[in-house]
């Protein structure tokens, strides 16, 4: 039995162009892979909820601390219940996976 060591971080961010680029840029600079991203506007659209599916390799606390330093990140916390959202999306796109192979 394989243990899934992935976790979801939920971010509340200001909703404007470039925010996701700043967040993903931080992960790229740290050499950390994001396995899944879901982003939806919340409240009146001035903010977005960003769910990041990440491998938990022991650096999540450090990455969370660095994310908190980004001006547009208003809140961040782990959200184990949000894994369901990624499972639903995976089932939705699964029929299309395999049509073209990576590599």
N, C-alpha and C. Protein backbone atom coordinates (compact mmCIF):
# COMPACT_ATOMS: atom_id res chain seq x y z
N UNK A 1 0.83 -1.18 0.00
CA UNK A 1 0.00 0.00 0.00
C UNK A 1 0.88 1.25 0.00
N UNK A 2 0.65 2.12 -0.95
CA UNK A 2 1.45 3.33 -1.07
C UNK A 2 0.78 4.48 -0.33
N UNK A 3 1.53 5.20 0.48
CA UNK A 3 1.00 6.32 1.23
C UNK A 3 1.13 7.58 0.37
N UNK A 4 0.03 8.32 0.26
CA UNK A 4 0.02 9.55 -0.52
C UNK A 4 0.53 10.68 0.37
N UNK A 5 1.67 11.24 0.03
CA UNK A 5 2.27 12.30 0.85
C UNK A 5 2.00 13.68 0.26
N UNK A 6 0.90 13.80 -0.44
CA UNK A 6 0.54 15.11 -0.99
C UNK A 6 -0.42 15.83 -0.04
N UNK A 7 -0.35 17.14 -0.09
CA UNK A 7 -1.22 17.96 0.74
C UNK A 7 -1.72 19.13 -0.10
N UNK A 8 -2.74 19.79 0.40
CA UNK A 8 -3.29 20.96 -0.28
C UNK A 8 -3.08 22.18 0.61
N UNK A 9 -2.54 23.22 0.00
CA UNK A 9 -2.47 24.52 0.66
C UNK A 9 -3.55 25.40 0.05
N UNK A 10 -4.33 26.04 0.91
CA UNK A 10 -5.36 26.98 0.44
C UNK A 10 -4.84 28.40 0.67
N UNK A 11 -4.78 29.16 -0.40
CA UNK A 11 -4.35 30.55 -0.32
C UNK A 11 -5.53 31.45 -0.61
N UNK A 12 -5.63 32.54 0.09
CA UNK A 12 -6.53 33.62 -0.25
C UNK A 12 -5.64 34.74 -0.77
N UNK A 13 -5.87 35.14 -2.02
CA UNK A 13 -5.00 36.14 -2.65
C UNK A 13 -5.84 37.26 -3.25
N UNK A 14 -5.22 38.40 -3.44
CA UNK A 14 -5.88 39.47 -4.18
C UNK A 14 -6.03 39.01 -5.63
N UNK A 15 -7.17 39.29 -6.21
CA UNK A 15 -7.46 38.83 -7.57
C UNK A 15 -7.13 39.93 -8.58
N UNK A 16 -5.93 39.81 -9.15
CA UNK A 16 -5.55 40.73 -10.23
C UNK A 16 -4.47 40.05 -11.07
N UNK A 17 -4.24 40.53 -12.30
CA UNK A 17 -3.26 39.89 -13.17
C UNK A 17 -1.87 39.83 -12.53
N UNK A 18 -1.22 38.69 -12.65
CA UNK A 18 0.14 38.52 -12.17
C UNK A 18 0.27 37.82 -10.84
N UNK A 19 -0.83 37.68 -10.09
CA UNK A 19 -0.74 37.07 -8.76
C UNK A 19 -0.30 35.61 -8.86
N UNK A 20 -0.92 34.85 -9.74
CA UNK A 20 -0.55 33.44 -9.87
C UNK A 20 0.88 33.30 -10.37
N UNK A 21 1.33 34.23 -11.18
CA UNK A 21 2.72 34.23 -11.64
C UNK A 21 3.68 34.43 -10.47
N UNK A 22 3.34 35.33 -9.55
CA UNK A 22 4.19 35.55 -8.38
C UNK A 22 4.25 34.31 -7.50
N UNK A 23 3.10 33.68 -7.30
CA UNK A 23 3.05 32.47 -6.46
C UNK A 23 3.85 31.34 -7.12
N UNK A 24 3.58 31.10 -8.41
CA UNK A 24 4.28 30.00 -9.08
C UNK A 24 5.78 30.31 -9.23
N UNK A 25 6.13 31.58 -9.37
CA UNK A 25 7.54 31.96 -9.45
C UNK A 25 8.29 31.62 -8.18
N UNK A 26 7.65 31.78 -7.04
CA UNK A 26 8.28 31.42 -5.77
C UNK A 26 8.57 29.93 -5.75
N UNK A 27 7.62 29.12 -6.20
CA UNK A 27 7.84 27.67 -6.22
C UNK A 27 8.95 27.30 -7.21
N UNK A 28 8.98 27.96 -8.34
CA UNK A 28 10.02 27.68 -9.33
C UNK A 28 11.41 28.02 -8.79
N UNK A 29 11.52 29.17 -8.14
CA UNK A 29 12.82 29.58 -7.58
C UNK A 29 13.31 28.61 -6.52
N UNK A 30 12.39 27.99 -5.81
CA UNK A 30 12.75 27.04 -4.74
C UNK A 30 12.85 25.61 -5.24
N UNK A 31 12.60 25.39 -6.54
CA UNK A 31 12.69 24.05 -7.11
C UNK A 31 11.63 23.10 -6.57
N UNK A 32 10.44 23.63 -6.34
CA UNK A 32 9.35 22.85 -5.76
C UNK A 32 8.26 22.66 -6.80
N UNK A 33 7.84 21.43 -7.02
CA UNK A 33 6.84 21.13 -8.04
C UNK A 33 5.43 21.29 -7.48
N UNK A 34 4.58 21.98 -8.22
CA UNK A 34 3.16 22.08 -7.91
C UNK A 34 2.46 21.02 -8.76
N UNK A 35 1.78 20.09 -8.11
CA UNK A 35 1.15 18.98 -8.83
C UNK A 35 -0.24 19.33 -9.33
N UNK A 36 -0.87 20.33 -8.74
CA UNK A 36 -2.20 20.74 -9.18
C UNK A 36 -2.52 22.13 -8.69
N UNK A 37 -3.30 22.87 -9.49
CA UNK A 37 -3.71 24.22 -9.13
C UNK A 37 -5.18 24.39 -9.48
N UNK A 38 -5.94 24.88 -8.54
CA UNK A 38 -7.32 25.29 -8.78
C UNK A 38 -7.44 26.71 -8.26
N UNK A 39 -8.06 27.57 -9.06
CA UNK A 39 -8.17 28.97 -8.67
C UNK A 39 -9.57 29.47 -9.05
N UNK A 40 -10.27 30.04 -8.08
CA UNK A 40 -11.61 30.57 -8.32
C UNK A 40 -11.77 31.89 -7.58
N UNK A 41 -12.52 32.84 -8.19
CA UNK A 41 -12.79 34.09 -7.48
C UNK A 41 -13.74 33.82 -6.31
N UNK A 42 -13.58 34.59 -5.25
CA UNK A 42 -14.45 34.47 -4.09
C UNK A 42 -14.98 35.84 -3.71
N UNK A 43 -15.95 35.82 -2.82
CA UNK A 43 -16.60 37.03 -2.34
C UNK A 43 -17.08 37.84 -3.53
N UNK A 44 -16.68 39.06 -3.67
CA UNK A 44 -17.15 39.91 -4.78
C UNK A 44 -16.18 39.92 -5.96
N UNK A 45 -15.22 38.97 -5.98
CA UNK A 45 -14.27 38.88 -7.08
C UNK A 45 -12.98 39.62 -6.85
N UNK A 46 -12.86 40.35 -5.74
CA UNK A 46 -11.61 41.05 -5.46
C UNK A 46 -10.54 40.12 -4.95
N UNK A 47 -10.95 38.95 -4.49
CA UNK A 47 -10.02 37.94 -4.00
C UNK A 47 -10.25 36.63 -4.74
N UNK A 48 -9.26 35.76 -4.69
CA UNK A 48 -9.38 34.42 -5.25
C UNK A 48 -8.90 33.41 -4.22
N UNK A 49 -9.50 32.24 -4.28
CA UNK A 49 -9.01 31.10 -3.49
C UNK A 49 -8.15 30.28 -4.45
N UNK A 50 -6.94 30.01 -4.04
CA UNK A 50 -6.03 29.20 -4.83
C UNK A 50 -5.72 27.94 -4.03
N UNK A 51 -6.03 26.79 -4.61
CA UNK A 51 -5.72 25.51 -3.99
C UNK A 51 -4.51 24.94 -4.71
N UNK A 52 -3.48 24.61 -3.96
CA UNK A 52 -2.25 24.06 -4.52
C UNK A 52 -2.06 22.64 -4.00
N UNK A 53 -2.02 21.67 -4.90
CA UNK A 53 -1.74 20.29 -4.54
C UNK A 53 -0.24 20.10 -4.62
N UNK A 54 0.37 19.75 -3.48
CA UNK A 54 1.83 19.71 -3.37
C UNK A 54 2.30 18.41 -2.73
N UNK A 55 3.46 17.97 -3.16
CA UNK A 55 4.12 16.85 -2.49
C UNK A 55 4.69 17.37 -1.18
N UNK A 56 4.42 16.67 -0.11
CA UNK A 56 4.92 17.10 1.20
C UNK A 56 6.28 16.47 1.42
N UNK A 57 7.32 17.21 1.07
CA UNK A 57 8.69 16.68 1.18
C UNK A 57 9.45 17.28 2.36
N UNK A 58 8.72 17.85 3.30
CA UNK A 58 9.37 18.42 4.47
C UNK A 58 9.65 19.91 4.37
N UNK A 59 9.39 20.50 3.21
CA UNK A 59 9.67 21.93 3.03
C UNK A 59 8.42 22.79 3.04
N UNK A 60 7.26 22.20 3.29
CA UNK A 60 6.01 22.97 3.20
C UNK A 60 5.95 24.12 4.19
N UNK A 61 6.42 23.92 5.39
CA UNK A 61 6.38 25.01 6.38
C UNK A 61 7.22 26.19 5.91
N UNK A 62 8.37 25.90 5.34
CA UNK A 62 9.25 26.96 4.83
C UNK A 62 8.58 27.68 3.64
N UNK A 63 7.99 26.90 2.73
CA UNK A 63 7.32 27.51 1.58
C UNK A 63 6.13 28.35 2.02
N UNK A 64 5.36 27.87 3.00
CA UNK A 64 4.22 28.63 3.50
C UNK A 64 4.70 29.96 4.09
N UNK A 65 5.79 29.93 4.83
CA UNK A 65 6.33 31.16 5.41
C UNK A 65 6.74 32.15 4.32
N UNK A 66 7.32 31.64 3.24
CA UNK A 66 7.73 32.51 2.15
C UNK A 66 6.52 33.02 1.37
N UNK A 67 5.49 32.19 1.22
CA UNK A 67 4.27 32.64 0.56
C UNK A 67 3.62 33.78 1.34
N UNK A 68 3.65 33.69 2.66
CA UNK A 68 3.05 34.74 3.50
C UNK A 68 3.73 36.09 3.28
N UNK A 69 4.96 36.08 2.83
CA UNK A 69 5.68 37.33 2.59
C UNK A 69 5.25 38.02 1.30
N UNK A 70 4.60 37.28 0.40
CA UNK A 70 4.15 37.89 -0.84
C UNK A 70 3.01 38.87 -0.54
N UNK A 71 3.10 40.05 -1.11
CA UNK A 71 2.15 41.13 -0.82
C UNK A 71 0.70 40.74 -1.08
N UNK A 72 0.45 39.98 -2.12
CA UNK A 72 -0.92 39.66 -2.50
C UNK A 72 -1.49 38.42 -1.83
N UNK A 73 -0.70 37.71 -1.04
CA UNK A 73 -1.20 36.54 -0.31
C UNK A 73 -1.74 37.03 1.03
N UNK A 74 -3.06 36.90 1.20
CA UNK A 74 -3.72 37.40 2.40
C UNK A 74 -3.83 36.35 3.50
N UNK A 75 -3.92 35.08 3.12
CA UNK A 75 -4.06 34.00 4.09
C UNK A 75 -3.57 32.71 3.45
N UNK A 76 -3.07 31.80 4.26
CA UNK A 76 -2.61 30.50 3.77
C UNK A 76 -2.75 29.48 4.89
N UNK A 77 -3.27 28.31 4.53
CA UNK A 77 -3.35 27.22 5.51
C UNK A 77 -3.54 25.89 4.79
N UNK A 78 -3.11 24.81 5.41
CA UNK A 78 -3.36 23.48 4.84
C UNK A 78 -4.85 23.20 4.86
N UNK A 79 -5.33 22.47 3.86
CA UNK A 79 -6.75 22.15 3.77
C UNK A 79 -6.92 20.72 3.26
N UNK A 80 -6.88 19.76 4.16
CA UNK A 80 -6.99 18.36 3.78
C UNK A 80 -8.29 18.06 3.07
N UNK A 81 -9.36 18.73 3.43
CA UNK A 81 -10.65 18.50 2.80
C UNK A 81 -10.70 18.91 1.33
N UNK A 82 -9.80 19.78 0.92
CA UNK A 82 -9.79 20.27 -0.46
C UNK A 82 -9.26 19.24 -1.45
N UNK A 83 -8.68 18.14 -0.96
CA UNK A 83 -8.22 17.07 -1.87
C UNK A 83 -9.36 16.58 -2.75
N UNK A 84 -10.58 16.61 -2.20
CA UNK A 84 -11.74 16.16 -2.95
C UNK A 84 -11.90 16.94 -4.26
N UNK A 85 -11.63 18.24 -4.23
CA UNK A 85 -11.75 19.06 -5.44
C UNK A 85 -10.82 18.57 -6.53
N UNK A 86 -9.61 18.19 -6.18
CA UNK A 86 -8.66 17.67 -7.17
C UNK A 86 -9.09 16.31 -7.68
N UNK A 87 -9.66 15.49 -6.81
CA UNK A 87 -10.15 14.18 -7.23
C UNK A 87 -11.28 14.32 -8.25
N UNK A 88 -12.19 15.27 -8.01
CA UNK A 88 -13.30 15.51 -8.93
C UNK A 88 -12.78 15.97 -10.29
N UNK A 89 -11.86 16.91 -10.28
CA UNK A 89 -11.30 17.41 -11.54
C UNK A 89 -10.56 16.29 -12.27
N UNK A 90 -9.81 15.48 -11.54
CA UNK A 90 -9.07 14.38 -12.16
C UNK A 90 -10.03 13.41 -12.85
N UNK A 91 -11.15 13.10 -12.21
CA UNK A 91 -12.13 12.22 -12.84
C UNK A 91 -12.73 12.85 -14.08
N UNK A 92 -12.90 14.17 -14.04
CA UNK A 92 -13.49 14.88 -15.18
C UNK A 92 -12.56 14.88 -16.39
N UNK A 93 -11.27 15.06 -16.19
CA UNK A 93 -10.33 15.14 -17.31
C UNK A 93 -9.71 13.78 -17.66
N UNK A 94 -9.91 12.78 -16.82
CA UNK A 94 -9.28 11.47 -17.05
C UNK A 94 -9.58 10.88 -18.43
N UNK A 95 -10.78 11.01 -18.99
CA UNK A 95 -11.00 10.44 -20.32
C UNK A 95 -10.09 11.04 -21.39
N UNK A 96 -9.65 12.29 -21.19
CA UNK A 96 -8.78 12.94 -22.17
C UNK A 96 -7.32 12.61 -21.97
N UNK A 97 -6.96 12.15 -20.79
CA UNK A 97 -5.57 11.79 -20.51
C UNK A 97 -5.26 10.51 -21.28
N UNK A 98 -4.13 10.48 -21.89
CA UNK A 98 -3.76 9.31 -22.66
C UNK A 98 -3.98 9.50 -24.15
N UNK A 99 -4.76 10.52 -24.52
CA UNK A 99 -4.92 10.81 -25.94
C UNK A 99 -3.58 11.22 -26.52
N UNK A 100 -2.86 12.00 -25.77
CA UNK A 100 -1.50 12.38 -26.13
C UNK A 100 -0.61 12.08 -24.95
N UNK A 101 0.50 11.51 -25.19
CA UNK A 101 1.44 11.14 -24.12
C UNK A 101 2.47 12.24 -23.91
N UNK A 102 2.86 12.41 -22.66
CA UNK A 102 3.96 13.33 -22.35
C UNK A 102 5.28 12.67 -22.74
N UNK A 103 6.23 13.51 -23.13
CA UNK A 103 7.56 12.96 -23.39
C UNK A 103 7.77 12.74 -24.77
